[in-house]
């Protein structure tokens, strides 16, 4: 597969940066004293769901994540993270080394989240709802092996610019030699302390055809109010599948209980999200590109009970009402009670 002009530019640029910062680490190691202080962190999400459409219920461990992270010295840090039960499956998530030669610049190489979509990047213990938006789960849910550069500016108009180059094969096909990479760009602007916008682009080629993903997000924080939205747009090379669109908007309000020992915050919230038919870049058994995720929309309402420290501990109570095209049976309406512990 012939490389695009952007790939021809990015590949040597990233290789040069890898060589430069590798030598920087060597010299830094000669002068910096070692500061190896590993930290062990974990997230457990256990929940009960009652499906009102099927009159059926289930218990589930959505996540049992454990990570080890820390600093080797003032320049080099690391992280490894594994999920022992992602809906019953064990998955290796993060495994990377990060270099920070300057406060405004970081270089990361290894297995990591692709910098695309705020909801996609948000860790499970910081989710507002028991289940992610369609954008965060069906349309992105991106992790890969590669390298990421991050530039931060805190002057005048604060912003963060992140770009990366990745295999494009996900986490478990790392032996394959690549002739065409996946790449991503993310720009986060902070015009005001309580307002930020994000512009995202990701280009991937799972098999024969390339797909381009675009995302625009915004967050507004007004005292106890939190308002967040994202727009998603995905195009397919040679239009092998109709354009995919996604959208969500949600709001929450924090009610602080200062005189309660156990419950710190009661957080009512509501969300609307939708998506059109989506293809993940792979042909079906009959050789055609078909929908991997059907078009749908959803209204989610609920309350989160934020318990007091020493650990981040939430109880999420949600109800999800789904809507499908006429003629498609809805089997997804459900109540969710989720317990979250972060330590």
Protein backbone atom coordinates (compact mmCIF):
# COMPACT_ATOMS: atom_id res chain seq x y z
CA UNK A 1 0.00 0.00 0.00
CA UNK A 2 1.43 3.36 -1.04
CA UNK A 3 2.07 5.75 1.84
CA UNK A 4 0.31 9.08 2.02
CA UNK A 5 2.33 12.30 1.92
CA UNK A 6 1.62 12.87 5.60
CA UNK A 7 2.96 9.42 6.52
CA UNK A 8 6.12 10.01 4.44
CA UNK A 9 6.70 13.19 6.47
CA UNK A 10 5.82 11.80 9.90
CA UNK A 11 7.90 8.61 9.79
CA UNK A 12 11.37 10.24 9.53
CA UNK A 13 10.35 13.02 11.93
CA UNK A 14 9.36 10.54 14.63
CA UNK A 15 12.48 8.42 14.00
CA UNK A 16 14.72 11.47 14.42
CA UNK A 17 13.01 12.41 17.68
CA UNK A 18 13.39 8.85 19.01
CA UNK A 19 17.14 8.89 18.30
CA UNK A 20 17.57 12.36 19.80
CA UNK A 21 15.75 11.63 23.05
CA UNK A 22 17.40 8.22 23.40
CA UNK A 23 20.77 9.98 23.58
CA UNK A 24 19.29 12.55 25.97
CA UNK A 25 18.26 9.77 28.35
CA UNK A 26 21.75 8.28 28.33
CA UNK A 27 23.42 11.55 29.31
CA UNK A 28 20.69 12.39 31.84
CA UNK A 29 21.20 9.02 33.49
CA UNK A 30 24.82 9.92 34.16
CA UNK A 31 23.92 13.02 36.17
CA UNK A 32 20.49 12.40 37.70
CA UNK A 33 20.17 10.40 40.89
CA UNK A 34 17.75 7.51 40.65
CA UNK A 35 14.31 8.06 42.18
CA UNK A 36 12.56 4.73 41.74
CA UNK A 37 9.33 4.99 43.71
CA UNK A 38 6.73 2.66 42.17
CA UNK A 39 3.08 3.38 42.92
CA UNK A 40 0.41 0.71 42.77
CA UNK A 41 -3.06 1.89 41.77
CA UNK A 42 -6.28 0.08 41.02
CA UNK A 43 -9.86 0.48 39.82
CA UNK A 44 -12.66 -1.99 40.47
CA UNK A 45 -16.11 -1.58 38.89
CA UNK A 46 -18.76 -4.10 39.87
CA UNK A 47 -22.36 -3.74 38.78
CA UNK A 48 -25.84 -5.18 38.58
CA UNK A 49 -28.02 -4.65 35.49
CA UNK A 50 -31.71 -5.28 34.96
CA UNK A 51 -32.79 -5.35 31.31
CA UNK A 52 -36.38 -4.12 31.15
CA UNK A 53 -36.66 -5.10 27.47
CA UNK A 54 -35.88 -8.76 28.18
CA UNK A 55 -37.03 -8.95 31.81
CA UNK A 56 -33.59 -10.37 32.63
CA UNK A 57 -30.69 -9.36 34.86
CA UNK A 58 -27.00 -10.05 35.47
CA UNK A 59 -24.03 -9.25 37.68
CA UNK A 60 -20.81 -8.14 36.05
CA UNK A 61 -17.27 -7.04 36.88
CA UNK A 62 -16.70 -4.35 34.28
CA UNK A 63 -13.13 -3.56 35.31
CA UNK A 64 -10.51 -4.86 37.73
CA UNK A 65 -7.56 -2.71 36.72
CA UNK A 66 -4.20 -2.61 38.43
CA UNK A 67 -1.26 -0.43 37.43
CA UNK A 68 2.32 0.18 38.49
CA UNK A 69 3.82 3.56 37.64
CA UNK A 70 6.63 5.79 38.81
CA UNK A 71 9.82 7.69 37.95
CA UNK A 72 13.28 6.31 37.24
CA UNK A 73 14.75 9.81 37.52
CA UNK A 74 13.78 13.41 36.78
CA UNK A 75 13.53 12.62 33.06
CA UNK A 76 12.09 9.12 32.68
CA UNK A 77 8.81 7.67 33.99
CA UNK A 78 6.89 4.49 33.22
CA UNK A 79 3.51 2.82 33.51
CA UNK A 80 2.12 -0.69 33.15
CA UNK A 81 -1.58 -1.47 33.54
CA UNK A 82 -3.57 -4.68 33.27
CA UNK A 83 -7.31 -5.32 33.47
CA UNK A 84 -7.93 -8.68 35.15
CA UNK A 85 -11.63 -8.62 34.30
CA UNK A 86 -12.90 -6.54 31.39
CA UNK A 87 -16.34 -8.17 31.32
CA UNK A 88 -14.61 -11.44 32.26
CA UNK A 89 -11.57 -11.10 29.97
CA UNK A 90 -7.98 -10.30 30.97
CA UNK A 91 -6.35 -7.54 28.90
CA UNK A 92 -2.95 -5.86 28.98
CA UNK A 93 -3.67 -2.15 28.61
CA UNK A 94 -0.76 0.26 29.09
CA UNK A 95 2.96 -0.52 28.93
CA UNK A 96 5.02 2.54 28.11
CA UNK A 97 8.08 4.63 28.92
CA UNK A 98 7.73 8.41 29.03
CA UNK A 99 10.48 11.01 28.67
CA UNK A 100 10.04 14.62 29.79
CA UNK A 101 13.22 16.60 29.01
CA UNK A 102 11.29 19.88 29.43
CA UNK A 103 8.17 20.82 31.40
CA UNK A 104 6.41 21.67 28.16
CA UNK A 105 7.30 18.49 26.25
CA UNK A 106 6.85 14.72 26.73
CA UNK A 107 7.74 11.75 24.53
CA UNK A 108 5.97 8.41 25.11
CA UNK A 109 6.73 5.06 23.47
CA UNK A 110 4.92 1.77 24.01
CA UNK A 111 1.37 0.54 24.43
CA UNK A 112 -1.05 3.38 25.20
CA UNK A 113 -4.32 5.18 24.53
CA UNK A 114 -4.50 7.01 21.21
CA UNK A 115 -5.01 10.77 21.76
CA UNK A 116 -8.51 11.07 20.33
CA UNK A 117 -11.81 12.13 22.00
CA UNK A 118 -12.08 13.29 25.60
CA UNK A 119 -14.58 10.55 26.45
CA UNK A 120 -12.26 7.93 24.96
CA UNK A 121 -9.32 9.18 27.05
CA UNK A 122 -11.23 9.40 30.35
CA UNK A 123 -10.31 6.52 32.71
CA UNK A 124 -13.12 4.34 34.14
CA UNK A 125 -13.01 5.81 37.66
CA UNK A 126 -13.63 9.31 36.26
CA UNK A 127 -16.61 8.40 34.07
CA UNK A 128 -19.81 10.30 34.77
CA UNK A 129 -22.07 7.39 33.74
CA UNK A 130 -21.88 3.64 34.24
CA UNK A 131 -21.49 3.16 30.47
CA UNK A 132 -19.48 5.32 28.09
CA UNK A 133 -21.06 7.25 25.25
CA UNK A 134 -21.30 5.63 21.81
CA UNK A 135 -18.38 7.83 20.74
CA UNK A 136 -16.25 6.61 23.63
CA UNK A 137 -17.07 2.92 23.20
CA UNK A 138 -18.42 1.86 19.79
CA UNK A 139 -16.82 4.55 17.62
CA UNK A 140 -13.37 4.94 19.21
CA UNK A 141 -12.17 2.84 22.21
CA UNK A 142 -8.67 3.27 20.81
CA UNK A 143 -5.47 1.70 22.17
CA UNK A 144 -2.39 0.86 20.12
CA UNK A 145 1.40 0.48 20.14
CA UNK A 146 3.49 3.42 18.99
CA UNK A 147 4.89 6.76 20.02
CA UNK A 148 3.25 10.00 21.17
CA UNK A 149 4.55 13.55 21.46
CA UNK A 150 2.89 16.13 23.71
CA UNK A 151 3.49 19.90 23.77
CA UNK A 152 1.99 22.11 26.50
CA UNK A 153 1.74 25.90 26.58
CA UNK A 154 0.49 27.70 29.71
CA UNK A 155 0.99 31.29 28.52
CA UNK A 156 -1.53 33.72 26.96
CA UNK A 157 -3.81 31.11 25.33
CA UNK A 158 -3.10 27.83 27.14
CA UNK A 159 -3.18 24.76 24.92
CA UNK A 160 -1.95 21.19 24.63
CA UNK A 161 -1.00 19.64 21.29
CA UNK A 162 -0.59 15.86 21.09
CA UNK A 163 0.38 13.82 18.05
CA UNK A 164 1.29 10.17 17.60
CA UNK A 165 2.28 7.43 15.16
CA UNK A 166 1.05 3.86 15.75
CA UNK A 167 1.06 0.39 14.20
CA UNK A 168 -2.68 0.50 13.60
CA UNK A 169 -3.14 -3.18 14.54
CA UNK A 170 -4.34 -2.71 18.10
CA UNK A 171 -2.67 -4.33 21.11
CA UNK A 172 -2.22 -7.95 20.10
CA UNK A 173 -0.73 -7.95 16.57
CA UNK A 174 2.64 -6.36 17.27
CA UNK A 175 4.80 -8.69 15.12
CA UNK A 176 3.35 -7.52 11.81
CA UNK A 177 5.64 -5.34 9.67
CA UNK A 178 3.85 -2.13 8.73
CA UNK A 179 3.91 -0.32 5.40
CA UNK A 180 1.25 2.17 6.48
CA UNK A 181 0.83 3.60 9.99
CA UNK A 182 -2.05 4.99 11.99
CA UNK A 183 -1.58 8.58 13.12
CA UNK A 184 -3.45 11.00 15.36
CA UNK A 185 -3.56 14.69 16.28
CA UNK A 186 -5.27 16.31 19.27
CA UNK A 187 -5.40 20.01 20.13
CA UNK A 188 -6.94 21.13 23.43
CA UNK A 189 -7.55 24.86 23.91
CA UNK A 190 -8.21 26.52 27.28
CA UNK A 191 -9.42 30.07 26.49
CA UNK A 192 -10.78 30.32 30.05
CA UNK A 193 -10.17 28.31 33.19
CA UNK A 194 -13.66 26.80 33.14
CA UNK A 195 -13.90 26.26 29.37
CA UNK A 196 -11.99 24.08 26.96
CA UNK A 197 -12.32 22.84 23.40
CA UNK A 198 -10.71 19.85 21.73
CA UNK A 199 -10.03 19.17 18.04
CA UNK A 200 -9.15 15.57 17.17
CA UNK A 201 -8.13 13.60 14.09
CA UNK A 202 -7.19 9.94 13.71
CA UNK A 203 -6.37 8.10 10.48
CA UNK A 204 -6.33 4.29 10.55
CA UNK A 205 -6.13 1.42 8.04
CA UNK A 206 -7.15 -1.87 9.71
CA UNK A 207 -7.01 -3.83 6.44
CA UNK A 208 -7.09 -2.62 2.84
CA UNK A 209 -8.91 0.68 3.18
CA UNK A 210 -8.14 3.78 5.24
CA UNK A 211 -10.63 5.52 7.51
CA UNK A 212 -10.42 9.10 8.83
CA UNK A 213 -11.99 10.03 12.15
CA UNK A 214 -12.72 13.60 13.29
CA UNK A 215 -13.97 14.78 16.67
CA UNK A 216 -14.87 18.17 18.13
CA UNK A 217 -15.46 18.46 21.86
CA UNK A 218 -16.28 21.10 24.45
CA UNK A 219 -16.49 21.26 28.26
CA UNK A 220 -17.98 24.07 30.36
CA UNK A 221 -17.70 24.10 34.16
CA UNK A 222 -19.90 26.65 35.99
CA UNK A 223 -19.53 26.20 39.74
CA UNK A 224 -21.50 23.00 40.43
CA UNK A 225 -22.63 22.56 36.82
CA UNK A 226 -20.73 20.44 34.31
CA UNK A 227 -21.73 20.54 30.63
CA UNK A 228 -19.96 18.43 28.00
CA UNK A 229 -20.50 17.59 24.33
CA UNK A 230 -18.75 15.91 21.40
CA UNK A 231 -19.36 15.63 17.67
CA UNK A 232 -17.89 12.70 15.72
CA UNK A 233 -17.46 12.32 11.94
CA UNK A 234 -15.88 9.35 10.13
CA UNK A 235 -15.15 8.96 6.42
CA UNK A 236 -14.14 5.85 4.50
CA UNK A 237 -11.65 5.61 1.62
CA UNK A 238 -13.39 5.39 -1.76
CA UNK A 239 -16.68 5.62 0.16
CA UNK A 240 -16.67 1.87 0.80
CA UNK A 241 -19.16 2.57 3.62
CA UNK A 242 -21.52 5.51 4.29
CA UNK A 243 -20.17 8.28 6.51
CA UNK A 244 -20.55 7.57 10.24
CA UNK A 245 -21.69 10.33 12.60
CA UNK A 246 -21.90 10.45 16.37
CA UNK A 247 -22.98 12.95 19.00
CA UNK A 248 -23.46 13.28 22.73
CA UNK A 249 -24.32 16.01 25.19
CA UNK A 250 -24.65 15.64 28.95
CA UNK A 251 -24.97 17.73 32.06
CA UNK A 252 -24.44 17.08 35.75
CA UNK A 253 -24.89 19.09 38.93
CA UNK A 254 -22.95 18.50 42.17
CA UNK A 255 -24.90 18.83 45.42
CA UNK A 256 -22.43 18.96 48.32
CA UNK A 257 -23.47 17.46 51.66
CA UNK A 258 -21.19 19.11 54.19
CA UNK A 259 -22.73 17.56 57.29
CA UNK A 260 -22.75 13.94 56.10
CA UNK A 261 -19.92 11.62 57.08
CA UNK A 262 -20.37 8.98 54.38
CA UNK A 263 -21.80 10.71 51.28
CA UNK A 264 -19.86 13.73 50.07
CA UNK A 265 -21.70 14.61 46.83
CA UNK A 266 -25.03 13.73 45.22
CA UNK A 267 -24.73 14.20 41.46
CA UNK A 268 -27.87 14.06 39.27
CA UNK A 269 -27.06 13.83 35.56
CA UNK A 270 -28.61 13.29 32.15
CA UNK A 271 -27.19 12.46 28.72
CA UNK A 272 -28.35 12.13 25.14
CA UNK A 273 -26.16 10.35 22.60
CA UNK A 274 -26.60 8.96 19.10
CA UNK A 275 -24.72 7.31 16.25
CA UNK A 276 -25.31 6.19 12.67
CA UNK A 277 -24.23 2.82 11.23
CA UNK A 278 -20.53 2.12 11.80
CA UNK A 279 -17.96 -0.14 10.12
CA UNK A 280 -14.60 -0.93 11.77
CA UNK A 281 -12.68 -1.42 8.53
CA UNK A 282 -13.03 -5.18 8.10
CA UNK A 283 -14.95 -7.13 5.47
CA UNK A 284 -17.62 -9.60 6.48
CA UNK A 285 -17.47 -13.31 5.63
CA UNK A 286 -19.21 -12.65 2.31
CA UNK A 287 -16.53 -10.12 1.31
CA UNK A 288 -18.55 -6.93 1.75
CA UNK A 289 -18.38 -4.05 4.24
CA UNK A 290 -21.37 -4.28 6.54
CA UNK A 291 -22.47 -2.47 9.68
CA UNK A 292 -20.60 -3.58 12.81
CA UNK A 293 -22.61 -1.23 15.03
CA UNK A 294 -26.20 -0.37 14.17
CA UNK A 295 -27.53 3.17 14.23
CA UNK A 296 -29.13 4.03 17.56
CA UNK A 297 -29.78 6.78 20.06
CA UNK A 298 -30.13 6.76 23.82
CA UNK A 299 -31.24 8.83 26.78
CA UNK A 300 -29.45 8.10 30.06
CA UNK A 301 -30.51 9.55 33.38
CA UNK A 302 -29.31 8.88 36.87
CA UNK A 303 -27.69 9.83 40.14
CA UNK A 304 -24.14 9.30 41.36
CA UNK A 305 -23.36 9.09 45.06
CA UNK A 306 -19.78 10.18 45.73
CA UNK A 307 -18.61 8.70 49.01
CA UNK A 308 -16.04 10.26 51.29
CA UNK A 309 -12.30 9.56 51.21
CA UNK A 310 -9.75 7.94 51.78
CA UNK A 311 -10.51 6.37 48.38
CA UNK A 312 -12.42 7.58 45.36
CA UNK A 313 -15.61 5.62 45.77
CA UNK A 314 -18.79 6.15 43.72
CA UNK A 315 -22.17 4.48 43.42
CA UNK A 316 -23.75 5.08 40.00
CA UNK A 317 -27.49 4.60 39.49
CA UNK A 318 -28.49 4.86 35.80
CA UNK A 319 -31.38 4.08 33.50
CA UNK A 320 -30.77 3.80 29.74
CA UNK A 321 -33.58 4.14 27.18
CA UNK A 322 -32.56 3.11 23.64
CA UNK A 323 -34.11 4.05 20.30
CA UNK A 324 -33.61 2.17 17.02
CA UNK A 325 -34.88 2.54 13.48
CA UNK A 326 -38.40 1.32 12.82
CA UNK A 327 -38.45 -2.45 12.44
CA UNK A 328 -35.39 -3.12 14.62
CA UNK A 329 -36.17 -4.73 17.96
CA UNK A 330 -34.89 -2.94 21.04
CA UNK A 331 -33.36 -5.35 23.59
CA UNK A 332 -31.16 -2.84 25.42
CA UNK A 333 -33.23 -0.75 27.87
CA UNK A 334 -31.83 -1.27 31.35
CA UNK A 335 -31.29 -0.14 34.92
CA UNK A 336 -27.67 -0.14 36.10
CA UNK A 337 -26.31 -0.05 39.65
CA UNK A 338 -22.52 0.25 39.63
CA UNK A 339 -20.03 0.40 42.49
CA UNK A 340 -16.67 2.02 41.72
CA UNK A 341 -13.55 1.93 43.87
CA UNK A 342 -10.29 3.69 43.00
CA UNK A 343 -7.22 3.30 45.20
